[in-house]
Amino acid sequence: MRFRKNTHAIYNTQYHIVWTSRYRRKLLVKGVKEYLEKLFTNMDGLEEDIEVRKVNVQKDHIHIVIVIPPRVSVANVIKYMKSSSGIKLKEKFEFMRTAMYGRGGI
């Protein structure tokens, strides 16, 4: 267990985040799984002190263990990760755009 320091705090905040595809559809198949694992471990746009420790992609849900400093909102980080990954998935995989009956989301 490694503690991190910033100017006014010492912390070790790890979050286990789980989210599912809409209606728990089994959309995260073989090619998508590898793409998402790579995407989340090397995600651009996150602050430098946010660390993604583990990523596990199942067919209908994703597990992520992430270290987020106390000064950053967990909700904003997850919102950014979900929205940017959804956009990139729709750009790369054609079936993701039409999988949800034209609603535009996964």
N, C-alpha and C. Protein backbone atom coordinates (compact mmCIF):
# COMPACT_ATOMS: atom_id res chain seq x y z
N MET A 1 0.85 -1.16 0.00
CA MET A 1 0.00 0.00 0.00
C MET A 1 0.90 1.24 0.00
N ARG A 2 0.75 2.04 -1.02
CA ARG A 2 1.58 3.23 -1.16
C ARG A 2 0.73 4.47 -0.92
N PHE A 3 1.19 5.33 -0.05
CA PHE A 3 0.50 6.58 0.20
C PHE A 3 1.02 7.64 -0.75
N ARG A 4 0.16 8.55 -1.13
CA ARG A 4 0.53 9.65 -2.00
C ARG A 4 0.44 10.95 -1.21
N LYS A 5 1.23 11.92 -1.62
CA LYS A 5 1.25 13.20 -0.93
C LYS A 5 0.91 14.32 -1.89
N ASN A 6 0.20 15.32 -1.38
CA ASN A 6 0.10 16.60 -2.06
C ASN A 6 0.39 17.66 -1.01
N THR A 7 0.10 18.89 -1.29
CA THR A 7 0.55 19.95 -0.39
C THR A 7 -0.06 19.88 1.01
N HIS A 8 -1.31 19.44 1.13
CA HIS A 8 -1.96 19.47 2.44
C HIS A 8 -2.55 18.13 2.87
N ALA A 9 -2.19 17.06 2.18
CA ALA A 9 -2.80 15.79 2.55
C ALA A 9 -1.90 14.62 2.16
N ILE A 10 -2.07 13.53 2.89
CA ILE A 10 -1.50 12.24 2.53
C ILE A 10 -2.70 11.33 2.33
N TYR A 11 -2.75 10.64 1.21
CA TYR A 11 -3.96 9.88 0.91
C TYR A 11 -3.63 8.57 0.20
N ASN A 12 -4.58 7.67 0.27
CA ASN A 12 -4.57 6.45 -0.51
C ASN A 12 -6.03 6.13 -0.83
N THR A 13 -6.56 6.75 -1.84
CA THR A 13 -7.96 6.58 -2.20
C THR A 13 -8.04 5.74 -3.46
N GLN A 14 -8.52 4.53 -3.31
CA GLN A 14 -8.74 3.64 -4.45
C GLN A 14 -10.23 3.41 -4.59
N TYR A 15 -10.72 3.50 -5.79
CA TYR A 15 -12.14 3.30 -6.06
C TYR A 15 -12.31 2.13 -7.00
N HIS A 16 -13.26 1.26 -6.68
CA HIS A 16 -13.63 0.16 -7.55
C HIS A 16 -14.92 0.57 -8.24
N ILE A 17 -14.82 0.89 -9.51
CA ILE A 17 -15.95 1.39 -10.29
C ILE A 17 -16.44 0.27 -11.21
N VAL A 18 -17.76 0.07 -11.24
CA VAL A 18 -18.36 -0.91 -12.14
C VAL A 18 -19.46 -0.21 -12.91
N TRP A 19 -19.44 -0.34 -14.23
CA TRP A 19 -20.59 0.16 -14.99
C TRP A 19 -20.95 -0.84 -16.08
N THR A 20 -22.22 -0.79 -16.47
CA THR A 20 -22.75 -1.77 -17.41
C THR A 20 -23.15 -1.08 -18.71
N SER A 21 -23.30 -1.89 -19.73
CA SER A 21 -23.86 -1.37 -20.97
C SER A 21 -25.36 -1.21 -20.79
N ARG A 22 -25.97 -0.42 -21.62
CA ARG A 22 -27.41 -0.19 -21.50
C ARG A 22 -28.16 -1.51 -21.70
N TYR A 23 -29.08 -1.77 -20.84
CA TYR A 23 -29.89 -2.99 -20.82
C TYR A 23 -29.03 -4.25 -20.64
N ARG A 24 -27.81 -4.08 -20.16
CA ARG A 24 -26.85 -5.18 -19.96
C ARG A 24 -26.66 -6.01 -21.22
N ARG A 25 -26.68 -5.38 -22.35
CA ARG A 25 -26.44 -6.09 -23.60
C ARG A 25 -25.00 -6.54 -23.67
N LYS A 26 -24.79 -7.68 -24.26
CA LYS A 26 -23.46 -8.26 -24.35
C LYS A 26 -22.74 -7.71 -25.59
N LEU A 27 -22.35 -6.43 -25.50
CA LEU A 27 -21.73 -5.73 -26.62
C LEU A 27 -20.21 -5.75 -26.56
N LEU A 28 -19.65 -6.01 -25.41
CA LEU A 28 -18.20 -5.88 -25.24
C LEU A 28 -17.53 -7.21 -25.58
N VAL A 29 -17.56 -7.55 -26.85
CA VAL A 29 -17.04 -8.81 -27.36
C VAL A 29 -15.53 -8.72 -27.53
N LYS A 30 -14.94 -9.73 -28.13
CA LYS A 30 -13.49 -9.90 -28.14
C LYS A 30 -12.70 -8.68 -28.61
N GLY A 31 -12.93 -8.14 -29.76
CA GLY A 31 -12.16 -7.00 -30.24
C GLY A 31 -12.39 -5.74 -29.43
N VAL A 32 -13.62 -5.56 -28.99
CA VAL A 32 -13.97 -4.39 -28.19
C VAL A 32 -13.30 -4.48 -26.82
N LYS A 33 -13.23 -5.68 -26.27
CA LYS A 33 -12.62 -5.87 -24.95
C LYS A 33 -11.16 -5.43 -24.95
N GLU A 34 -10.38 -5.88 -25.92
CA GLU A 34 -8.96 -5.50 -25.98
C GLU A 34 -8.81 -4.00 -26.20
N TYR A 35 -9.66 -3.43 -27.05
CA TYR A 35 -9.59 -2.00 -27.32
C TYR A 35 -9.88 -1.19 -26.05
N LEU A 36 -10.90 -1.59 -25.29
CA LEU A 36 -11.25 -0.87 -24.06
C LEU A 36 -10.17 -0.99 -22.99
N GLU A 37 -9.58 -2.17 -22.86
CA GLU A 37 -8.51 -2.33 -21.87
C GLU A 37 -7.34 -1.41 -22.18
N LYS A 38 -6.97 -1.34 -23.46
CA LYS A 38 -5.88 -0.43 -23.86
C LYS A 38 -6.27 1.03 -23.66
N LEU A 39 -7.50 1.35 -24.01
CA LEU A 39 -7.98 2.72 -23.92
C LEU A 39 -7.97 3.22 -22.47
N PHE A 40 -8.47 2.41 -21.55
CA PHE A 40 -8.56 2.85 -20.16
C PHE A 40 -7.20 2.90 -19.46
N THR A 41 -6.29 2.01 -19.81
CA THR A 41 -4.98 2.05 -19.16
C THR A 41 -4.14 3.22 -19.65
N ASN A 42 -4.39 3.70 -20.87
CA ASN A 42 -3.62 4.82 -21.43
C ASN A 42 -4.53 5.96 -21.83
N MET A 43 -5.48 6.33 -21.00
CA MET A 43 -6.46 7.33 -21.37
C MET A 43 -5.87 8.73 -21.36
N ASP A 44 -6.03 9.44 -22.47
CA ASP A 44 -5.59 10.83 -22.55
C ASP A 44 -6.63 11.72 -21.91
N GLY A 45 -6.19 12.86 -21.40
CA GLY A 45 -7.11 13.83 -20.84
C GLY A 45 -7.30 13.72 -19.34
N LEU A 46 -6.83 12.63 -18.74
CA LEU A 46 -6.91 12.53 -17.28
C LEU A 46 -5.73 13.26 -16.67
N GLU A 47 -5.92 13.77 -15.48
CA GLU A 47 -4.82 14.45 -14.80
C GLU A 47 -3.71 13.46 -14.49
N GLU A 48 -2.50 13.97 -14.37
CA GLU A 48 -1.33 13.09 -14.23
C GLU A 48 -1.30 12.29 -12.93
N ASP A 49 -1.97 12.76 -11.87
CA ASP A 49 -1.95 12.02 -10.62
C ASP A 49 -3.12 11.05 -10.47
N ILE A 50 -3.92 10.88 -11.52
CA ILE A 50 -4.97 9.86 -11.53
C ILE A 50 -4.37 8.61 -12.17
N GLU A 51 -4.48 7.49 -11.46
CA GLU A 51 -3.86 6.25 -11.92
C GLU A 51 -4.92 5.16 -12.06
N VAL A 52 -4.99 4.56 -13.24
CA VAL A 52 -5.86 3.42 -13.46
C VAL A 52 -5.04 2.17 -13.14
N ARG A 53 -5.41 1.47 -12.09
CA ARG A 53 -4.62 0.31 -11.65
C ARG A 53 -5.01 -0.98 -12.36
N LYS A 54 -6.29 -1.27 -12.43
CA LYS A 54 -6.75 -2.51 -13.05
C LYS A 54 -7.98 -2.24 -13.90
N VAL A 55 -8.07 -2.95 -15.00
CA VAL A 55 -9.25 -2.89 -15.87
C VAL A 55 -9.64 -4.32 -16.20
N ASN A 56 -10.93 -4.63 -16.00
CA ASN A 56 -11.45 -5.94 -16.34
C ASN A 56 -12.74 -5.72 -17.12
N VAL A 57 -12.74 -6.15 -18.37
CA VAL A 57 -13.90 -5.96 -19.24
C VAL A 57 -14.58 -7.30 -19.43
N GLN A 58 -15.84 -7.37 -19.04
CA GLN A 58 -16.68 -8.55 -19.28
C GLN A 58 -17.58 -8.25 -20.47
N LYS A 59 -18.45 -9.19 -20.85
CA LYS A 59 -19.29 -8.98 -22.02
C LYS A 59 -20.34 -7.90 -21.82
N ASP A 60 -20.79 -7.69 -20.58
CA ASP A 60 -21.85 -6.71 -20.36
C ASP A 60 -21.52 -5.68 -19.28
N HIS A 61 -20.31 -5.70 -18.73
CA HIS A 61 -19.93 -4.70 -17.74
C HIS A 61 -18.42 -4.55 -17.66
N ILE A 62 -17.98 -3.46 -17.01
CA ILE A 62 -16.57 -3.12 -16.90
C ILE A 62 -16.25 -2.85 -15.43
N HIS A 63 -15.13 -3.41 -14.95
CA HIS A 63 -14.61 -3.13 -13.62
C HIS A 63 -13.33 -2.32 -13.78
N ILE A 64 -13.19 -1.25 -13.00
CA ILE A 64 -11.98 -0.44 -13.02
C ILE A 64 -11.60 -0.12 -11.58
N VAL A 65 -10.33 -0.34 -11.24
CA VAL A 65 -9.79 0.10 -9.95
C VAL A 65 -8.92 1.31 -10.28
N ILE A 66 -9.25 2.44 -9.67
CA ILE A 66 -8.63 3.71 -10.02
C ILE A 66 -8.27 4.48 -8.76
N VAL A 67 -7.14 5.18 -8.80
CA VAL A 67 -6.72 6.05 -7.70
C VAL A 67 -6.98 7.49 -8.13
N ILE A 68 -7.82 8.17 -7.35
CA ILE A 68 -8.19 9.56 -7.65
C ILE A 68 -7.87 10.39 -6.42
N PRO A 69 -7.12 11.48 -6.57
CA PRO A 69 -6.81 12.31 -5.40
C PRO A 69 -8.06 12.98 -4.84
N PRO A 70 -8.03 13.34 -3.55
CA PRO A 70 -9.23 13.91 -2.91
C PRO A 70 -9.68 15.24 -3.49
N ARG A 71 -8.80 15.98 -4.14
CA ARG A 71 -9.18 17.29 -4.68
C ARG A 71 -9.98 17.18 -5.97
N VAL A 72 -10.05 15.99 -6.55
CA VAL A 72 -10.76 15.78 -7.82
C VAL A 72 -12.05 15.02 -7.53
N SER A 73 -13.13 15.43 -8.18
CA SER A 73 -14.42 14.77 -8.01
C SER A 73 -14.43 13.42 -8.74
N VAL A 74 -14.81 12.39 -8.02
CA VAL A 74 -14.88 11.05 -8.62
C VAL A 74 -15.91 11.03 -9.74
N ALA A 75 -17.03 11.68 -9.52
CA ALA A 75 -18.09 11.71 -10.53
C ALA A 75 -17.62 12.35 -11.83
N ASN A 76 -16.85 13.43 -11.74
CA ASN A 76 -16.37 14.08 -12.96
C ASN A 76 -15.37 13.22 -13.72
N VAL A 77 -14.52 12.49 -13.00
CA VAL A 77 -13.56 11.60 -13.65
C VAL A 77 -14.28 10.48 -14.38
N ILE A 78 -15.25 9.86 -13.72
CA ILE A 78 -15.99 8.76 -14.33
C ILE A 78 -16.83 9.26 -15.49
N LYS A 79 -17.42 10.43 -15.35
CA LYS A 79 -18.19 11.01 -16.45
C LYS A 79 -17.31 11.22 -17.68
N TYR A 80 -16.11 11.73 -17.47
CA TYR A 80 -15.18 11.93 -18.57
C TYR A 80 -14.79 10.59 -19.21
N MET A 81 -14.49 9.60 -18.38
CA MET A 81 -14.08 8.29 -18.90
C MET A 81 -15.20 7.63 -19.70
N LYS A 82 -16.42 7.69 -19.20
CA LYS A 82 -17.53 7.06 -19.90
C LYS A 82 -17.86 7.77 -21.20
N SER A 83 -17.87 9.10 -21.18
CA SER A 83 -18.25 9.82 -22.39
C SER A 83 -17.17 9.70 -23.46
N SER A 84 -15.90 9.83 -23.09
CA SER A 84 -14.85 9.74 -24.10
C SER A 84 -14.71 8.31 -24.65
N SER A 85 -14.88 7.30 -23.80
CA SER A 85 -14.80 5.93 -24.30
C SER A 85 -15.99 5.60 -25.20
N GLY A 86 -17.17 6.11 -24.86
CA GLY A 86 -18.34 5.88 -25.72
C GLY A 86 -18.17 6.50 -27.09
N ILE A 87 -17.63 7.70 -27.13
CA ILE A 87 -17.40 8.38 -28.42
C ILE A 87 -16.38 7.60 -29.25
N LYS A 88 -15.30 7.16 -28.61
CA LYS A 88 -14.26 6.43 -29.34
C LYS A 88 -14.74 5.07 -29.80
N LEU A 89 -15.59 4.42 -29.00
CA LEU A 89 -16.15 3.13 -29.42
C LEU A 89 -17.04 3.29 -30.64
N LYS A 90 -17.85 4.32 -30.66
CA LYS A 90 -18.74 4.54 -31.80
C LYS A 90 -17.96 4.90 -33.05
N GLU A 91 -16.82 5.59 -32.89
CA GLU A 91 -16.00 5.91 -34.05
C GLU A 91 -15.33 4.67 -34.62
N LYS A 92 -14.88 3.77 -33.76
CA LYS A 92 -14.10 2.61 -34.21
C LYS A 92 -14.98 1.44 -34.65
N PHE A 93 -16.09 1.18 -33.95
CA PHE A 93 -16.92 0.02 -34.22
C PHE A 93 -18.29 0.47 -34.73
N GLU A 94 -18.60 0.09 -35.96
CA GLU A 94 -19.85 0.50 -36.61
C GLU A 94 -21.07 -0.05 -35.87
N PHE A 95 -21.01 -1.28 -35.38
CA PHE A 95 -22.19 -1.89 -34.76
C PHE A 95 -22.58 -1.21 -33.45
N MET A 96 -21.67 -0.46 -32.84
CA MET A 96 -22.00 0.24 -31.60
C MET A 96 -22.99 1.38 -31.84
N ARG A 97 -22.95 1.97 -33.02
CA ARG A 97 -23.86 3.08 -33.31
C ARG A 97 -25.31 2.62 -33.44
N THR A 98 -25.50 1.43 -33.95
CA THR A 98 -26.86 0.95 -34.20
C THR A 98 -27.34 -0.06 -33.16
N ALA A 99 -26.51 -0.42 -32.20
CA ALA A 99 -26.86 -1.48 -31.25
C ALA A 99 -28.00 -1.10 -30.32
N MET A 100 -28.20 0.17 -30.07
CA MET A 100 -29.21 0.60 -29.12
C MET A 100 -30.43 1.22 -29.79
N TYR A 101 -30.81 0.71 -30.93
CA TYR A 101 -32.02 1.14 -31.62
C TYR A 101 -32.04 2.63 -31.89
N GLY A 102 -30.89 3.18 -32.27
CA GLY A 102 -30.82 4.56 -32.68
C GLY A 102 -30.83 5.58 -31.56
N ARG A 103 -30.70 5.12 -30.32
CA ARG A 103 -30.71 6.08 -29.19
C ARG A 103 -29.39 6.79 -29.05
N GLY A 104 -28.33 6.27 -29.64
CA GLY A 104 -27.05 6.97 -29.62
C GLY A 104 -26.16 6.62 -28.44
N GLY A 105 -26.52 5.70 -27.59
CA GLY A 105 -25.69 5.40 -26.44
C GLY A 105 -25.38 3.92 -26.34
N ILE A 106 -24.43 3.59 -25.47
CA ILE A 106 -24.16 2.18 -25.23
C ILE A 106 -24.36 1.88 -23.76
